[in-house]
Amino acid sequence: MKMRSAYLGYKEAIAIPEHESAQCKILVDYDGNICLLSYNTIVCKVNTDGWFCINGLYSRTTIKHIGWFMRYISAHFSTSVSYYDAKRCYEHDLVMNVKSKEAVTYEDFNEKQYAEMRTA
């Protein structure tokens, strides 16, 4: 199967269950990170450790896509996250772990990653 140019660099492009005809896809990269592509924009991402970040809310339609993506992530990580968690992250410039619901600022998250790399 030939992939669209928006999907290049990703291992898989998955239609959101129950919304296959929507203008959004779940993209999985070669490291296992999961992204939401709404139209031609990467809106949010969850890494393999469960850390979620969001770039924007954009339009009413993209807000629906974010809600669907969060339900997908809830099932994938066996947790419970919603559009409102994503909105809170965007409005307060936070990164959230979808498994533990821990939320930190981008600045603290980068320091935490650096500290973990030093101890590994």
PDB file of N, CA and C in Angstrom:
ATOM      1  N   MET A   1       0.840  -1.179   0.000  1.00  0.00           N
ATOM      2  CA  MET A   1       0.000   0.000   0.000  1.00  0.00           C
ATOM      3  C   MET A   1       0.886   1.244   0.000  1.00  0.00           C
ATOM      4  N   LYS A   2       0.592   2.161  -0.886  1.00  0.00           N
ATOM      5  CA  LYS A   2       1.328   3.416  -0.938  1.00  0.00           C
ATOM      6  C   LYS A   2       0.731   4.383   0.083  1.00  0.00           C
ATOM      7  N   MET A   3       1.605   4.973   0.908  1.00  0.00           N
ATOM      8  CA  MET A   3       1.126   5.887   1.944  1.00  0.00           C
ATOM      9  C   MET A   3       1.142   7.325   1.445  1.00  0.00           C
ATOM     10  N   ARG A   4       0.181   8.118   1.932  1.00  0.00           N
ATOM     11  CA  ARG A   4       0.168   9.544   1.626  1.00  0.00           C
ATOM     12  C   ARG A   4       1.414  10.190   2.184  1.00  0.00           C
ATOM     13  N   SER A   5       1.828  11.297   1.590  1.00  0.00           N
ATOM     14  CA  SER A   5       3.039  11.979   2.048  1.00  0.00           C
ATOM     15  C   SER A   5       2.931  12.413   3.511  1.00  0.00           C
ATOM     16  N   ALA A   6       1.725  12.711   4.006  1.00  0.00           N
ATOM     17  CA  ALA A   6       1.547  13.099   5.406  1.00  0.00           C
ATOM     18  C   ALA A   6       1.871  11.948   6.347  1.00  0.00           C
ATOM     19  N   TYR A   7       1.841  10.713   5.822  1.00  0.00           N
ATOM     20  CA  TYR A   7       2.093   9.538   6.651  1.00  0.00           C
ATOM     21  C   TYR A   7       3.539   9.070   6.578  1.00  0.00           C
ATOM     22  N   LEU A   8       4.353   9.670   5.728  1.00  0.00           N
ATOM     23  CA  LEU A   8       5.733   9.226   5.591  1.00  0.00           C
ATOM     24  C   LEU A   8       6.473   9.405   6.915  1.00  0.00           C
ATOM     25  N   GLY A   9       7.295   8.440   7.260  1.00  0.00           N
ATOM     26  CA  GLY A   9       8.001   8.471   8.527  1.00  0.00           C
ATOM     27  C   GLY A   9       7.239   7.753   9.629  1.00  0.00           C
ATOM     28  N   TYR A  10       6.075   7.232   9.288  1.00  0.00           N
ATOM     29  CA  TYR A  10       5.263   6.499  10.256  1.00  0.00           C
ATOM     30  C   TYR A  10       5.107   5.065   9.794  1.00  0.00           C
ATOM     31  N   LYS A  11       5.078   4.151  10.757  1.00  0.00           N
ATOM     32  CA  LYS A  11       4.950   2.733  10.463  1.00  0.00           C
ATOM     33  C   LYS A  11       3.530   2.383  10.033  1.00  0.00           C
ATOM     34  N   GLU A  12       2.543   3.001  10.693  1.00  0.00           N
ATOM     35  CA  GLU A  12       1.143   2.698  10.414  1.00  0.00           C
ATOM     36  C   GLU A  12       0.298   3.958  10.425  1.00  0.00           C
ATOM     37  N   ALA A  13      -0.769   3.927   9.631  1.00  0.00           N
ATOM     38  CA  ALA A  13      -1.807   4.947   9.671  1.00  0.00           C
ATOM     39  C   ALA A  13      -3.121   4.201   9.882  1.00  0.00           C
ATOM     40  N   ILE A  14      -3.759   4.453  11.032  1.00  0.00           N
ATOM     41  CA  ILE A  14      -4.945   3.708  11.426  1.00  0.00           C
ATOM     42  C   ILE A  14      -6.146   4.647  11.450  1.00  0.00           C
ATOM     43  N   ALA A  15      -7.254   4.194  10.850  1.00  0.00           N
ATOM     44  CA  ALA A  15      -8.493   4.958  10.967  1.00  0.00           C
ATOM     45  C   ALA A  15      -9.005   4.803  12.391  1.00  0.00           C
ATOM     46  N   ILE A  16      -9.567   5.863  12.940  1.00  0.00           N
ATOM     47  CA  ILE A  16     -10.105   5.792  14.298  1.00  0.00           C
ATOM     48  C   ILE A  16     -11.335   4.892  14.280  1.00  0.00           C
ATOM     49  N   PRO A  17     -11.348   3.883  15.147  1.00  0.00           N
ATOM     50  CA  PRO A  17     -12.488   2.962  15.179  1.00  0.00           C
ATOM     51  C   PRO A  17     -13.816   3.702  15.306  1.00  0.00           C
ATOM     52  N   GLU A  18     -14.788   3.280  14.524  1.00  0.00           N
ATOM     53  CA  GLU A  18     -16.129   3.847  14.452  1.00  0.00           C
ATOM     54  C   GLU A  18     -16.173   5.200  13.747  1.00  0.00           C
ATOM     55  N   HIS A  19     -15.017   5.691  13.267  1.00  0.00           N
ATOM     56  CA  HIS A  19     -14.973   6.971  12.551  1.00  0.00           C
ATOM     57  C   HIS A  19     -14.034   6.849  11.346  1.00  0.00           C
ATOM     58  N   GLU A  20     -14.130   5.728  10.644  1.00  0.00           N
ATOM     59  CA  GLU A  20     -13.196   5.420   9.562  1.00  0.00           C
ATOM     60  C   GLU A  20     -13.198   6.459   8.444  1.00  0.00           C
ATOM     61  N   SER A  21     -14.344   7.122   8.208  1.00  0.00           N
ATOM     62  CA  SER A  21     -14.408   8.089   7.109  1.00  0.00           C
ATOM     63  C   SER A  21     -14.012   9.501   7.523  1.00  0.00           C
ATOM     64  N   ALA A  22     -13.716   9.706   8.791  1.00  0.00           N
ATOM     65  CA  ALA A  22     -13.340  11.040   9.273  1.00  0.00           C
ATOM     66  C   ALA A  22     -11.990  11.465   8.710  1.00  0.00           C
ATOM     67  N   GLN A  23     -11.748  12.771   8.679  1.00  0.00           N
ATOM     68  CA  GLN A  23     -10.500  13.334   8.164  1.00  0.00           C
ATOM     69  C   GLN A  23      -9.415  13.340   9.236  1.00  0.00           C
ATOM     70  N   CYS A  24      -9.229  12.191   9.866  1.00  0.00           N
ATOM     71  CA  CYS A  24      -8.193  12.069  10.874  1.00  0.00           C
ATOM     72  C   CYS A  24      -7.677  10.634  10.885  1.00  0.00           C
ATOM     73  N   LYS A  25      -6.458  10.485  11.334  1.00  0.00           N
ATOM     74  CA  LYS A  25      -5.825   9.167  11.421  1.00  0.00           C
ATOM     75  C   LYS A  25      -5.000   9.110  12.694  1.00  0.00           C
ATOM     76  N   ILE A  26      -4.812   7.901  13.174  1.00  0.00           N
ATOM     77  CA  ILE A  26      -3.867   7.644  14.244  1.00  0.00           C
ATOM     78  C   ILE A  26      -2.607   7.147  13.564  1.00  0.00           C
ATOM     79  N   LEU A  27      -1.504   7.825  13.814  1.00  0.00           N
ATOM     80  CA  LEU A  27      -0.232   7.447  13.213  1.00  0.00           C
ATOM     81  C   LEU A  27       0.664   6.848  14.294  1.00  0.00           C
ATOM     82  N   VAL A  28       1.314   5.746  13.951  1.00  0.00           N
ATOM     83  CA  VAL A  28       2.252   5.102  14.866  1.00  0.00           C
ATOM     84  C   VAL A  28       3.620   5.165  14.202  1.00  0.00           C
ATOM     85  N   ASP A  29       4.599   5.768  14.899  1.00  0.00           N
ATOM     86  CA  ASP A  29       5.934   5.870  14.311  1.00  0.00           C
ATOM     87  C   ASP A  29       6.745   4.612  14.618  1.00  0.00           C
ATOM     88  N   TYR A  30       7.946   4.562  14.123  1.00  0.00           N
ATOM     89  CA  TYR A  30       8.779   3.370  14.254  1.00  0.00           C
ATOM     90  C   TYR A  30       9.273   3.135  15.680  1.00  0.00           C
ATOM     91  N   ASP A  31       9.146   4.145  16.558  1.00  0.00           N
ATOM     92  CA  ASP A  31       9.515   3.990  17.967  1.00  0.00           C
ATOM     93  C   ASP A  31       8.320   3.585  18.829  1.00  0.00           C
ATOM     94  N   GLY A  32       7.120   3.538  18.229  1.00  0.00           N
ATOM     95  CA  GLY A  32       5.914   3.166  18.965  1.00  0.00           C
ATOM     96  C   GLY A  32       5.122   4.338  19.502  1.00  0.00           C
ATOM     97  N   ASN A  33       5.547   5.567  19.217  1.00  0.00           N
ATOM     98  CA  ASN A  33       4.801   6.751  19.625  1.00  0.00           C
ATOM     99  C   ASN A  33       3.522   6.845  18.794  1.00  0.00           C
ATOM    100  N   ILE A  34       2.454   7.337  19.406  1.00  0.00           N
ATOM    101  CA  ILE A  34       1.148   7.415  18.751  1.00  0.00           C
ATOM    102  C   ILE A  34       0.761   8.879  18.592  1.00  0.00           C
ATOM    103  N   CYS A  35       0.393   9.266  17.364  1.00  0.00           N
ATOM    104  CA  CYS A  35       0.040  10.659  17.071  1.00  0.00           C
ATOM    105  C   CYS A  35      -1.361  10.735  16.487  1.00  0.00           C
ATOM    106  N   LEU A  36      -1.988  11.887  16.652  1.00  0.00           N
ATOM    107  CA  LEU A  36      -3.255  12.177  15.986  1.00  0.00           C
ATOM    108  C   LEU A  36      -2.977  13.123  14.841  1.00  0.00           C
ATOM    109  N   LEU A  37      -3.348  12.704  13.634  1.00  0.00           N
ATOM    110  CA  LEU A  37      -3.283  13.565  12.452  1.00  0.00           C
ATOM    111  C   LEU A  37      -4.710  13.998  12.138  1.00  0.00           C
ATOM    112  N   SER A  38      -4.989  15.290  12.236  1.00  0.00           N
ATOM    113  CA  SER A  38      -6.297  15.838  11.897  1.00  0.00           C
ATOM    114  C   SER A  38      -6.103  16.686  10.648  1.00  0.00           C
ATOM    115  N   TYR A  39      -6.774  16.302   9.576  1.00  0.00           N
ATOM    116  CA  TYR A  39      -6.530  16.873   8.253  1.00  0.00           C
ATOM    117  C   TYR A  39      -5.048  16.669   7.935  1.00  0.00           C
ATOM    118  N   ASN A  40      -4.235  17.684   7.888  1.00  0.00           N
ATOM    119  CA  ASN A  40      -2.800  17.504   7.607  1.00  0.00           C
ATOM    120  C   ASN A  40      -1.927  18.006   8.752  1.00  0.00           C
ATOM    121  N   THR A  41      -2.477  18.042   9.961  1.00  0.00           N
ATOM    122  CA  THR A  41      -1.765  18.592  11.106  1.00  0.00           C
ATOM    123  C   THR A  41      -1.620  17.541  12.209  1.00  0.00           C
ATOM    124  N   ILE A  42      -0.401  17.379  12.705  1.00  0.00           N
ATOM    125  CA  ILE A  42      -0.194  16.543  13.887  1.00  0.00           C
ATOM    126  C   ILE A  42      -0.675  17.361  15.083  1.00  0.00           C
ATOM    127  N   VAL A  43      -1.721  16.898  15.726  1.00  0.00           N
ATOM    128  CA  VAL A  43      -2.366  17.656  16.794  1.00  0.00           C
ATOM    129  C   VAL A  43      -1.818  17.277  18.164  1.00  0.00           C
ATOM    130  N   CYS A  44      -1.663  15.987  18.418  1.00  0.00           N
ATOM    131  CA  CYS A  44      -1.174  15.545  19.717  1.00  0.00           C
ATOM    132  C   CYS A  44      -0.430  14.223  19.580  1.00  0.00           C
ATOM    133  N   LYS A  45       0.268  13.869  20.651  1.00  0.00           N
ATOM    134  CA  LYS A  45       1.144  12.702  20.607  1.00  0.00           C
ATOM    135  C   LYS A  45       1.226  12.078  21.989  1.00  0.00           C
ATOM    136  N   VAL A  46       1.343  10.747  22.019  1.00  0.00           N
ATOM    137  CA  VAL A  46       1.592  10.012  23.254  1.00  0.00           C
ATOM    138  C   VAL A  46       2.811   9.139  22.997  1.00  0.00           C
ATOM    139  N   ASN A  47       3.827   9.265  23.859  1.00  0.00           N
ATOM    140  CA  ASN A  47       5.015   8.429  23.664  1.00  0.00           C
ATOM    141  C   ASN A  47       4.802   7.061  24.305  1.00  0.00           C
ATOM    142  N   THR A  48       5.750   6.180  24.155  1.00  0.00           N
ATOM    143  CA  THR A  48       5.603   4.803  24.640  1.00  0.00           C
ATOM    144  C   THR A  48       5.517   4.719  26.152  1.00  0.00           C
ATOM    145  N   ASP A  49       5.986   5.747  26.868  1.00  0.00           N
ATOM    146  CA  ASP A  49       5.884   5.780  28.333  1.00  0.00           C
ATOM    147  C   ASP A  49       4.550   6.349  28.807  1.00  0.00           C
ATOM    148  N   GLY A  50       3.716   6.784  27.855  1.00  0.00           N
ATOM    149  CA  GLY A  50       2.402   7.324  28.206  1.00  0.00           C
ATOM    150  C   GLY A  50       2.333   8.821  28.355  1.00  0.00           C
ATOM    151  N   TRP A  51       3.401   9.542  28.023  1.00  0.00           N
ATOM    152  CA  TRP A  51       3.393  11.007  28.147  1.00  0.00           C
ATOM    153  C   TRP A  51       2.686  11.619  26.944  1.00  0.00           C
ATOM    154  N   PHE A  52       1.675  12.432  27.229  1.00  0.00           N
ATOM    155  CA  PHE A  52       0.810  13.052  26.223  1.00  0.00           C
ATOM    156  C   PHE A  52       1.131  14.536  26.111  1.00  0.00           C
ATOM    157  N   CYS A  53       1.248  15.022  24.874  1.00  0.00           N
ATOM    158  CA  CYS A  53       1.384  16.470  24.649  1.00  0.00           C
ATOM    159  C   CYS A  53       0.466  16.859  23.498  1.00  0.00           C
ATOM    160  N   ILE A  54       0.036  18.102  23.501  1.00  0.00           N
ATOM    161  CA  ILE A  54      -0.909  18.592  22.497  1.00  0.00           C
ATOM    162  C   ILE A  54      -0.416  19.928  21.956  1.00  0.00           C
ATOM    163  N   ASN A  55      -0.605  20.124  20.657  1.00  0.00           N
ATOM    164  CA  ASN A  55      -0.142  21.345  19.996  1.00  0.00           C
ATOM    165  C   ASN A  55      -1.215  22.422  19.885  1.00  0.00           C
ATOM    166  N   GLY A  56      -2.490  22.037  19.939  1.00  0.00           N
ATOM    167  CA  GLY A  56      -3.560  23.015  19.808  1.00  0.00           C
ATOM    168  C   GLY A  56      -4.905  22.336  19.729  1.00  0.00           C
ATOM    169  N   LEU A  57      -5.975  23.133  19.857  1.00  0.00           N
ATOM    170  CA  LEU A  57      -7.334  22.602  19.745  1.00  0.00           C
ATOM    171  C   LEU A  57      -7.907  22.842  18.344  1.00  0.00           C
ATOM    172  N   TYR A  58      -7.420  23.868  17.660  1.00  0.00           N
ATOM    173  CA  TYR A  58      -7.721  24.192  16.279  1.00  0.00           C
ATOM    174  C   TYR A  58      -9.202  24.465  16.024  1.00  0.00           C
ATOM    175  N   SER A  59      -9.963  23.517  15.490  1.00  0.00           N
ATOM    176  CA  SER A  59     -11.344  23.773  15.075  1.00  0.00           C
ATOM    177  C   SER A  59     -12.314  22.866  15.838  1.00  0.00           C
ATOM    178  N   ARG A  60     -13.615  23.117  15.676  1.00  0.00           N
ATOM    179  CA  ARG A  60     -14.637  22.265  16.308  1.00  0.00           C
ATOM    180  C   ARG A  60     -14.464  20.818  15.842  1.00  0.00           C
ATOM    181  N   THR A  61     -14.182  20.634  14.564  1.00  0.00           N
ATOM    182  CA  THR A  61     -14.018  19.272  14.046  1.00  0.00           C
ATOM    183  C   THR A  61     -12.794  18.610  14.658  1.00  0.00           C
ATOM    184  N   THR A  62     -11.695  19.339  14.754  1.00  0.00           N
ATOM    185  CA  THR A  62     -10.484  18.778  15.364  1.00  0.00           C
ATOM    186  C   THR A  62     -10.723  18.464  16.836  1.00  0.00           C
ATOM    187  N   ILE A  63     -11.523  19.252  17.517  1.00  0.00           N
ATOM    188  CA  ILE A  63     -11.870  18.956  18.908  1.00  0.00           C
ATOM    189  C   ILE A  63     -12.562  17.596  18.997  1.00  0.00           C
ATOM    190  N   LYS A  64     -13.452  17.294  18.053  1.00  0.00           N
ATOM    191  CA  LYS A  64     -14.080  15.963  18.006  1.00  0.00           C
ATOM    192  C   LYS A  64     -13.019  14.889  17.802  1.00  0.00           C
ATOM    193  N   HIS A  65     -12.090  15.145  16.870  1.00  0.00           N
ATOM    194  CA  HIS A  65     -11.016  14.184  16.600  1.00  0.00           C
ATOM    195  C   HIS A  65     -10.199  13.925  17.867  1.00  0.00           C
ATOM    196  N   ILE A  66      -9.914  14.984  18.632  1.00  0.00           N
ATOM    197  CA  ILE A  66      -9.137  14.834  19.873  1.00  0.00           C
ATOM    198  C   ILE A  66      -9.898  13.946  20.858  1.00  0.00           C
ATOM    199  N   GLY A  67     -11.188  14.153  20.979  1.00  0.00           N
ATOM    200  CA  GLY A  67     -12.005  13.313  21.863  1.00  0.00           C
ATOM    201  C   GLY A  67     -11.948  11.848  21.460  1.00  0.00           C
ATOM    202  N   TRP A  68     -12.060  11.581  20.169  1.00  0.00           N
ATOM    203  CA  TRP A  68     -11.980  10.197  19.673  1.00  0.00           C
ATOM    204  C   TRP A  68     -10.598   9.610  19.950  1.00  0.00           C
ATOM    205  N   PHE A  69      -9.558  10.415  19.731  1.00  0.00           N
ATOM    206  CA  PHE A  69      -8.184   9.968  19.969  1.00  0.00           C
ATOM    207  C   PHE A  69      -7.984   9.628  21.453  1.00  0.00           C
ATOM    208  N   MET A  70      -8.512  10.453  22.343  1.00  0.00           N
ATOM    209  CA  MET A  70      -8.353  10.202  23.771  1.00  0.00           C
ATOM    210  C   MET A  70      -9.071   8.910  24.186  1.00  0.00           C
ATOM    211  N   ARG A  71     -10.216   8.614  23.572  1.00  0.00           N
ATOM    212  CA  ARG A  71     -10.886   7.339  23.847  1.00  0.00           C
ATOM    213  C   ARG A  71     -10.030   6.175  23.362  1.00  0.00           C
ATOM    214  N   TYR A  72      -9.403   6.343  22.182  1.00  0.00           N
ATOM    215  CA  TYR A  72      -8.508   5.311  21.658  1.00  0.00           C
ATOM    216  C   TYR A  72      -7.331   5.100  22.615  1.00  0.00           C
ATOM    217  N   ILE A  73      -6.747   6.182  23.087  1.00  0.00           N
ATOM    218  CA  ILE A  73      -5.609   6.112  24.011  1.00  0.00           C
ATOM    219  C   ILE A  73      -6.042   5.445  25.323  1.00  0.00           C
ATOM    220  N   SER A  74      -7.245   5.764  25.799  1.00  0.00           N
ATOM    221  CA  SER A  74      -7.753   5.130  27.022  1.00  0.00           C
ATOM    222  C   SER A  74      -7.768   3.614  26.875  1.00  0.00           C
ATOM    223  N   ALA A  75      -8.245   3.130  25.750  1.00  0.00           N
ATOM    224  CA  ALA A  75      -8.289   1.682  25.513  1.00  0.00           C
ATOM    225  C   ALA A  75      -6.883   1.121  25.352  1.00  0.00           C
ATOM    226  N   HIS A  76      -6.030   1.834  24.635  1.00  0.00           N
ATOM    227  CA  HIS A  76      -4.665   1.361  24.357  1.00  0.00           C
ATOM    228  C   HIS A  76      -3.848   1.213  25.641  1.00  0.00           C
ATOM    229  N   PHE A  77      -3.969   2.166  26.551  1.00  0.00           N
ATOM    230  CA  PHE A  77      -3.190   2.155  27.789  1.00  0.00           C
ATOM    231  C   PHE A  77      -3.984   1.650  28.996  1.00  0.00           C
ATOM    232  N   SER A  78      -5.201   1.164  28.766  1.00  0.00           N
ATOM    233  CA  SER A  78      -6.081   0.685  29.848  1.00  0.00           C
ATOM    234  C   SER A  78      -6.216   1.724  30.952  1.00  0.00           C
ATOM    235  N   THR A  79      -6.606   2.910  30.561  1.00  0.00           N
ATOM    236  CA  THR A  79      -6.757   4.027  31.488  1.00  0.00           C
ATOM    237  C   THR A  79      -8.026   4.785  31.131  1.00  0.00           C
ATOM    238  N   SER A  80      -8.231   5.927  31.706  1.00  0.00           N
ATOM    239  CA  SER A  80      -9.400   6.737  31.398  1.00  0.00           C
ATOM    240  C   SER A  80      -8.975   8.193  31.241  1.00  0.00           C
ATOM    241  N   VAL A  81      -8.861   8.638  30.004  1.00  0.00           N
ATOM    242  CA  VAL A  81      -8.561  10.039  29.714  1.00  0.00           C
ATOM    243  C   VAL A  81      -9.595  10.545  28.721  1.00  0.00           C
ATOM    244  N   SER A  82      -9.815  11.843  28.724  1.00  0.00           N
ATOM    245  CA  SER A  82     -10.859  12.420  27.877  1.00  0.00           C
ATOM    246  C   SER A  82     -10.360  13.679  27.177  1.00  0.00           C
ATOM    247  N   TYR A  83     -11.239  14.226  26.351  1.00  0.00           N
ATOM    248  CA  TYR A  83     -10.947  15.495  25.690  1.00  0.00           C
ATOM    249  C   TYR A  83     -10.627  16.571  26.728  1.00  0.00           C
ATOM    250  N   TYR A  84     -11.303  16.544  27.882  1.00  0.00           N
ATOM    251  CA  TYR A  84     -11.104  17.573  28.900  1.00  0.00           C
ATOM    252  C   TYR A  84      -9.695  17.518  29.495  1.00  0.00           C
ATOM    253  N   ASP A  85      -9.123  16.327  29.564  1.00  0.00           N
ATOM    254  CA  ASP A  85      -7.715  16.210  29.985  1.00  0.00           C
ATOM    255  C   ASP A  85      -6.807  16.868  28.946  1.00  0.00           C
ATOM    256  N   ALA A  86      -7.096  16.619  27.671  1.00  0.00           N
ATOM    257  CA  ALA A  86      -6.303  17.217  26.596  1.00  0.00           C
ATOM    258  C   ALA A  86      -6.435  18.740  26.611  1.00  0.00           C
ATOM    259  N   LYS A  87      -7.657  19.229  26.805  1.00  0.00           N
ATOM    260  CA  LYS A  87      -7.901  20.675  26.846  1.00  0.00           C
ATOM    261  C   LYS A  87      -7.129  21.317  27.996  1.00  0.00           C
ATOM    262  N   ARG A  88      -7.146  20.676  29.176  1.00  0.00           N
ATOM    263  CA  ARG A  88      -6.411  21.199  30.332  1.00  0.00           C
ATOM    264  C   ARG A  88      -4.914  21.274  30.027  1.00  0.00           C
ATOM    265  N   CYS A  89      -4.378  20.238  29.363  1.00  0.00           N
ATOM    266  CA  CYS A  89      -2.953  20.246  28.994  1.00  0.00           C
ATOM    267  C   CYS A  89      -2.646  21.413  28.072  1.00  0.00           C
ATOM    268  N   TYR A  90      -3.523  21.644  27.091  1.00  0.00           N
ATOM    269  CA  TYR A  90      -3.290  22.737  26.152  1.00  0.00           C
ATOM    270  C   TYR A  90      -3.388  24.100  26.845  1.00  0.00           C
ATOM    271  N   GLU A  91      -4.442  24.287  27.631  1.00  0.00           N
ATOM    272  CA  GLU A  91      -4.669  25.597  28.260  1.00  0.00           C
ATOM    273  C   GLU A  91      -3.608  25.962  29.292  1.00  0.00           C
ATOM    274  N   HIS A  92      -3.008  24.957  29.934  1.00  0.00           N
ATOM    275  CA  HIS A  92      -2.037  25.220  30.998  1.00  0.00           C
ATOM    276  C   HIS A  92      -0.616  24.825  30.607  1.00  0.00           C
ATOM    277  N   ASP A  93      -0.414  24.520  29.310  1.00  0.00           N
ATOM    278  CA  ASP A  93       0.911  24.192  28.788  1.00  0.00           C
ATOM    279  C   ASP A  93       1.538  23.023  29.558  1.00  0.00           C
ATOM    280  N   LEU A  94       0.774  21.920  29.662  1.00  0.00           N
ATOM    281  CA  LEU A  94       1.199  20.766  30.442  1.00  0.00           C
ATOM    282  C   LEU A  94       1.474  19.550  29.557  1.00  0.00           C
ATOM    283  N   VAL A  95       2.256  18.652  30.096  1.00  0.00           N
ATOM    284  CA  VAL A  95       2.461  17.314  29.547  1.00  0.00           C
ATOM    285  C   VAL A  95       1.879  16.379  30.604  1.00  0.00           C
ATOM    286  N   MET A  96       1.072  15.382  30.170  1.00  0.00           N
ATOM    287  CA  MET A  96       0.395  14.510  31.131  1.00  0.00           C
ATOM    288  C   MET A  96       0.733  13.054  30.847  1.00  0.00           C
ATOM    289  N   ASN A  97       0.954  12.307  31.899  1.00  0.00           N
ATOM    290  CA  ASN A  97       1.122  10.866  31.736  1.00  0.00           C
ATOM    291  C   ASN A  97      -0.269  10.248  31.791  1.00  0.00           C
ATOM    292  N   VAL A  98      -0.678   9.596  30.701  1.00  0.00           N
ATOM    293  CA  VAL A  98      -2.037   9.061  30.624  1.00  0.00           C
ATOM    294  C   VAL A  98      -2.239   7.866  31.552  1.00  0.00           C
ATOM    295  N   LYS A  99      -1.167   7.232  31.972  1.00  0.00           N
ATOM    296  CA  LYS A  99      -1.287   6.083  32.882  1.00  0.00           C
ATOM    297  C   LYS A  99      -1.514   6.536  34.317  1.00  0.00           C
ATOM    298  N   SER A 100      -0.739   7.519  34.782  1.00  0.00           N
ATOM    299  CA  SER A 100      -0.802   7.959  36.179  1.00  0.00           C
ATOM    300  C   SER A 100      -1.596   9.239  36.367  1.00  0.00           C
ATOM    301  N   LYS A 101      -1.908   9.935  35.274  1.00  0.00           N
ATOM    302  CA  LYS A 101      -2.574  11.247  35.283  1.00  0.00           C
ATOM    303  C   LYS A 101      -1.682  12.347  35.860  1.00  0.00           C
ATOM    304  N   GLU A 102      -0.390  12.059  36.076  1.00  0.00           N
ATOM    305  CA  GLU A 102       0.555  13.092  36.515  1.00  0.00           C
ATOM    306  C   GLU A 102       0.678  14.121  35.397  1.00  0.00           C
ATOM    307  N   ALA A 103       0.614  15.382  35.754  1.00  0.00           N
ATOM    308  CA  ALA A 103       0.754  16.453  34.771  1.00  0.00           C
ATOM    309  C   ALA A 103       1.848  17.408  35.240  1.00  0.00           C
ATOM    310  N   VAL A 104       2.749  17.757  34.330  1.00  0.00           N
ATOM    311  CA  VAL A 104       3.848  18.669  34.639  1.00  0.00           C
ATOM    312  C   VAL A 104       3.981  19.674  33.504  1.00  0.00           C
ATOM    313  N   THR A 105       4.640  20.786  33.795  1.00  0.00           N
ATOM    314  CA  THR A 105       4.885  21.769  32.740  1.00  0.00           C
ATOM    315  C   THR A 105       5.913  21.196  31.764  1.00  0.00           C
ATOM    316  N   TYR A 106       5.960  21.756  30.569  1.00  0.00           N
ATOM    317  CA  TYR A 106       6.952  21.327  29.584  1.00  0.00           C
ATOM    318  C   TYR A 106       8.361  21.479  30.141  1.00  0.00           C
ATOM    319  N   GLU A 107       8.594  22.582  30.848  1.00  0.00           N
ATOM    320  CA  GLU A 107       9.926  22.839  31.413  1.00  0.00           C
ATOM    321  C   GLU A 107      10.308  21.755  32.419  1.00  0.00           C
ATOM    322  N   ASP A 108       9.399  21.434  33.338  1.00  0.00           N
ATOM    323  CA  ASP A 108       9.667  20.389  34.325  1.00  0.00           C
ATOM    324  C   ASP A 108       9.812  19.025  33.664  1.00  0.00           C
ATOM    325  N   PHE A 109       9.022  18.792  32.624  1.00  0.00           N
ATOM    326  CA  PHE A 109       9.091  17.516  31.922  1.00  0.00           C
ATOM    327  C   PHE A 109      10.461  17.328  31.286  1.00  0.00           C
ATOM    328  N   ASN A 110      10.974  18.376  30.660  1.00  0.00           N
ATOM    329  CA  ASN A 110      12.296  18.283  30.036  1.00  0.00           C
ATOM    330  C   ASN A 110      13.381  18.045  31.080  1.00  0.00           C
ATOM    331  N   GLU A 111      13.283  18.700  32.239  1.00  0.00           N
ATOM    332  CA  GLU A 111      14.251  18.480  33.321  1.00  0.00           C
ATOM    333  C   GLU A 111      14.150  17.053  33.847  1.00  0.00           C
ATOM    334  N   LYS A 112      12.911  16.547  33.956  1.00  0.00           N
ATOM    335  CA  LYS A 112      12.695  15.190  34.447  1.00  0.00           C
ATOM    336  C   LYS A 112      13.303  14.176  33.470  1.00  0.00           C
ATOM    337  N   GLN A 113      13.073  14.371  32.177  1.00  0.00           N
ATOM    338  CA  GLN A 113      13.652  13.472  31.174  1.00  0.00           C
ATOM    339  C   GLN A 113      15.174  13.481  31.263  1.00  0.00           C
ATOM    340  N   TYR A 114      15.734  14.664  31.415  1.00  0.00           N
ATOM    341  CA  TYR A 114      17.190  14.786  31.503  1.00  0.00           C
ATOM    342  C   TYR A 114      17.707  14.047  32.737  1.00  0.00           C
ATOM    343  N   ALA A 115      17.022  14.212  33.874  1.00  0.00           N
ATOM    344  CA  ALA A 115      17.439  13.546  35.108  1.00  0.00           C
ATOM    345  C   ALA A 115      17.348  12.031  34.953  1.00  0.00           C
ATOM    346  N   GLU A 116      16.296  11.538  34.304  1.00  0.00           N
ATOM    347  CA  GLU A 116      16.143  10.091  34.094  1.00  0.00           C
ATOM    348  C   GLU A 116      17.234   9.556  33.181  1.00  0.00           C
ATOM    349  N   MET A 117      17.605  10.323  32.178  1.00  0.00           N
ATOM    350  CA  MET A 117      18.668   9.873  31.267  1.00  0.00           C
ATOM    351  C   MET A 117      19.991   9.787  32.005  1.00  0.00           C
ATOM    352  N   ARG A 118      20.243  10.718  32.911  1.00  0.00           N
ATOM    353  CA  ARG A 118      21.506  10.722  33.658  1.00  0.00           C
ATOM    354  C   ARG A 118      21.610   9.533  34.602  1.00  0.00           C
ATOM    355  N   THR A 119      20.451   9.085  35.154  1.00  0.00           N
ATOM    356  CA  THR A 119      20.472   7.986  36.107  1.00  0.00           C
ATOM    357  C   THR A 119      20.388   6.616  35.422  1.00  0.00           C
ATOM    358  N   ALA A 120      20.045   6.599  34.159  1.00  0.00           N
ATOM    359  CA  ALA A 120      19.886   5.317  33.444  1.00  0.00           C
ATOM    360  C   ALA A 120      21.223   4.699  33.067  1.00  0.00           C
TER     361      ALA A 120
END
